C-alpha atoms as a PDB file:
ATOM      1  CA  UNK A   1       0.000   0.000   0.000  1.00  0.00           C
ATOM      2  CA  UNK A   2       1.701   3.228  -1.101  1.00  0.00           C
ATOM      3  CA  UNK A   3       2.364   5.669   1.718  1.00  0.00           C
ATOM      4  CA  UNK A   4       1.270   8.704  -0.307  1.00  0.00           C
ATOM      5  CA  UNK A   5      -2.139   7.366  -1.361  1.00  0.00           C
ATOM      6  CA  UNK A   6      -4.772   9.954  -0.419  1.00  0.00           C
ATOM      7  CA  UNK A   7      -7.330   7.444   0.855  1.00  0.00           C
ATOM      8  CA  UNK A   8      -4.876   5.394   2.890  1.00  0.00           C
ATOM      9  CA  UNK A   9      -6.414   6.522   6.198  1.00  0.00           C
ATOM     10  CA  UNK A  10      -9.826   5.220   5.105  1.00  0.00           C
ATOM     11  CA  UNK A  11      -8.476   1.798   4.223  1.00  0.00           C
ATOM     12  CA  UNK A  12      -6.552   1.566   7.482  1.00  0.00           C
ATOM     13  CA  UNK A  13      -9.503   2.759   9.534  1.00  0.00           C
ATOM     14  CA  UNK A  14     -11.896   0.265   7.956  1.00  0.00           C
ATOM     15  CA  UNK A  15      -9.409  -2.601   8.119  1.00  0.00           C
ATOM     16  CA  UNK A  16      -8.885  -1.792  11.787  1.00  0.00           C
ATOM     17  CA  UNK A  17     -12.623  -2.176  12.388  1.00  0.00           C
ATOM     18  CA  UNK A  18     -12.666  -5.558  10.643  1.00  0.00           C
ATOM     19  CA  UNK A  19      -9.618  -6.785  12.542  1.00  0.00           C
ATOM     20  CA  UNK A  20     -11.176  -5.686  15.823  1.00  0.00           C
ATOM     21  CA  UNK A  21     -14.372  -7.603  14.979  1.00  0.00           C
ATOM     22  CA  UNK A  22     -12.229 -10.671  14.250  1.00  0.00           C
ATOM     23  CA  UNK A  23     -10.588 -10.385  17.662  1.00  0.00           C
ATOM     24  CA  UNK A  24      -7.195  -9.420  16.246  1.00  0.00           C
ATOM     25  CA  UNK A  25      -6.855  -6.536  18.656  1.00  0.00           C
ATOM     26  CA  UNK A  26      -3.146  -5.786  18.294  1.00  0.00           C
ATOM     27  CA  UNK A  27      -3.337  -5.746  14.487  1.00  0.00           C
ATOM     28  CA  UNK A  28      -6.432  -3.542  14.709  1.00  0.00           C
ATOM     29  CA  UNK A  29      -4.590  -1.189  17.041  1.00  0.00           C
ATOM     30  CA  UNK A  30      -1.613  -0.943  14.672  1.00  0.00           C
ATOM     31  CA  UNK A  31      -3.893  -0.042  11.767  1.00  0.00           C
ATOM     32  CA  UNK A  32      -5.815   2.467  13.894  1.00  0.00           C
ATOM     33  CA  UNK A  33      -2.579   4.210  14.903  1.00  0.00           C
ATOM     34  CA  UNK A  34      -1.510   4.355  11.260  1.00  0.00           C
ATOM     35  CA  UNK A  35      -4.953   5.668  10.246  1.00  0.00           C
ATOM     36  CA  UNK A  36      -4.702   8.554  12.722  1.00  0.00           C
ATOM     37  CA  UNK A  37      -1.206   9.363  11.496  1.00  0.00           C
ATOM     38  CA  UNK A  38      -2.332   9.362   7.850  1.00  0.00           C
ATOM     39  CA  UNK A  39      -5.718  11.047   8.316  1.00  0.00           C
ATOM     40  CA  UNK A  40      -6.350  14.632   7.332  1.00  0.00           C
ATOM     41  CA  UNK A  41      -7.561  17.037   9.997  1.00  0.00           C
ATOM     42  CA  UNK A  42     -11.190  16.465  10.795  1.00  0.00           C
ATOM     43  CA  UNK A  43     -11.323  12.728  10.050  1.00  0.00           C
ATOM     44  CA  UNK A  44     -12.870  11.848  13.385  1.00  0.00           C
ATOM     45  CA  UNK A  45     -13.508   8.196  12.596  1.00  0.00           C
ATOM     46  CA  UNK A  46      -9.785   7.432  12.728  1.00  0.00           C
ATOM     47  CA  UNK A  47      -9.617   8.822  16.260  1.00  0.00           C
ATOM     48  CA  UNK A  48     -12.752   6.945  17.314  1.00  0.00           C
ATOM     49  CA  UNK A  49     -11.278   3.725  15.952  1.00  0.00           C
ATOM     50  CA  UNK A  50      -7.999   4.267  17.813  1.00  0.00           C
ATOM     51  CA  UNK A  51      -9.823   4.888  21.088  1.00  0.00           C
ATOM     52  CA  UNK A  52     -11.994   1.792  20.509  1.00  0.00           C
ATOM     53  CA  UNK A  53      -8.930  -0.371  19.889  1.00  0.00           C
ATOM     54  CA  UNK A  54      -7.076   0.948  22.917  1.00  0.00           C
ATOM     55  CA  UNK A  55     -10.167   0.300  25.047  1.00  0.00           C
ATOM     56  CA  UNK A  56     -10.490  -3.241  23.650  1.00  0.00           C
ATOM     57  CA  UNK A  57      -6.823  -3.883  24.442  1.00  0.00           C
ATOM     58  CA  UNK A  58      -7.341  -2.723  28.030  1.00  0.00           C
ATOM     59  CA  UNK A  59      -5.116   0.322  27.577  1.00  0.00           C
ATOM     60  CA  UNK A  60      -7.488   2.731  29.297  1.00  0.00           C
ATOM     61  CA  UNK A  61      -4.988   5.443  30.206  1.00  0.00           C
ATOM     62  CA  UNK A  62      -3.723   5.546  26.647  1.00  0.00           C
ATOM     63  CA  UNK A  63      -7.335   5.621  25.412  1.00  0.00           C
ATOM     64  CA  UNK A  64      -7.987   8.631  27.652  1.00  0.00           C
ATOM     65  CA  UNK A  65      -4.868  10.254  26.231  1.00  0.00           C
ATOM     66  CA  UNK A  66      -6.049   9.552  22.682  1.00  0.00           C
ATOM     67  CA  UNK A  67      -9.395  11.143  23.531  1.00  0.00           C
ATOM     68  CA  UNK A  68      -7.624  14.243  24.825  1.00  0.00           C
ATOM     69  CA  UNK A  69      -5.401  14.354  21.743  1.00  0.00           C
ATOM     70  CA  UNK A  70      -8.432  14.098  19.445  1.00  0.00           C
ATOM     71  CA  UNK A  71     -10.131  16.962  21.322  1.00  0.00           C
ATOM     72  CA  UNK A  72      -6.982  19.083  21.198  1.00  0.00           C
ATOM     73  CA  UNK A  73      -6.445  18.447  17.498  1.00  0.00           C
ATOM     74  CA  UNK A  74     -10.035  19.361  16.633  1.00  0.00           C
ATOM     75  CA  UNK A  75     -12.587  20.698  19.139  1.00  0.00           C
ATOM     76  CA  UNK A  76     -15.244  19.525  16.657  1.00  0.00           C
ATOM     77  CA  UNK A  77     -14.460  16.001  17.814  1.00  0.00           C
ATOM     78  CA  UNK A  78     -16.730  16.665  20.782  1.00  0.00           C
ATOM     79  CA  UNK A  79     -19.625  16.788  18.328  1.00  0.00           C
ATOM     80  CA  UNK A  80     -19.243  13.265  16.942  1.00  0.00           C
ATOM     81  CA  UNK A  81     -22.144  10.970  17.857  1.00  0.00           C
ATOM     82  CA  UNK A  82     -19.882   8.546  19.737  1.00  0.00           C
ATOM     83  CA  UNK A  83     -18.244  11.205  21.905  1.00  0.00           C
ATOM     84  CA  UNK A  84     -20.460  10.959  25.001  1.00  0.00           C
ATOM     85  CA  UNK A  85     -20.412   7.147  24.996  1.00  0.00           C
ATOM     86  CA  UNK A  86     -16.615   7.145  24.660  1.00  0.00           C
ATOM     87  CA  UNK A  87     -16.174   9.646  27.491  1.00  0.00           C
ATOM     88  CA  UNK A  88     -18.557   7.677  29.705  1.00  0.00           C
ATOM     89  CA  UNK A  89     -16.829   4.351  28.988  1.00  0.00           C
ATOM     90  CA  UNK A  90     -13.466   5.910  29.850  1.00  0.00           C
ATOM     91  CA  UNK A  91     -14.782   7.575  32.993  1.00  0.00           C
ATOM     92  CA  UNK A  92     -14.103  11.052  31.626  1.00  0.00           C
ATOM     93  CA  UNK A  93     -16.520  13.930  32.088  1.00  0.00           C
ATOM     94  CA  UNK A  94     -17.652  14.923  28.576  1.00  0.00           C
ATOM     95  CA  UNK A  95     -16.497  18.382  27.579  1.00  0.00           C
ATOM     96  CA  UNK A  96     -19.027  20.843  26.223  1.00  0.00           C
ATOM     97  CA  UNK A  97     -19.968  20.553  22.584  1.00  0.00           C
ATOM     98  CA  UNK A  98     -17.989  22.606  20.095  1.00  0.00           C
ATOM     99  CA  UNK A  99     -19.526  25.883  19.081  1.00  0.00           C
ATOM    100  CA  UNK A 100     -22.122  25.513  16.376  1.00  0.00           C
ATOM    101  CA  UNK A 101     -22.761  21.837  17.095  1.00  0.00           C
END
């Protein structure tokens, strides 16, 4: 898979979801990390997938850190449908919604 391909983050994000469903958590986590690294600003699904994989692997502190990083990178992340469920699962008080959301 070429590193410069514009849709690489989508492939990695989707493959991560499939691997997670198959129980291949570590492989899913590797793809999710790569998806976040390759994703353009505003591709929230990559961040959601990374947090899901970290949670599934029992890496809760790192999942909380990934949530904070997603919020810092784009305050609009707080507006994604999964945000409140993620924050609740991680025991984090949900931040206010981004302006205009």
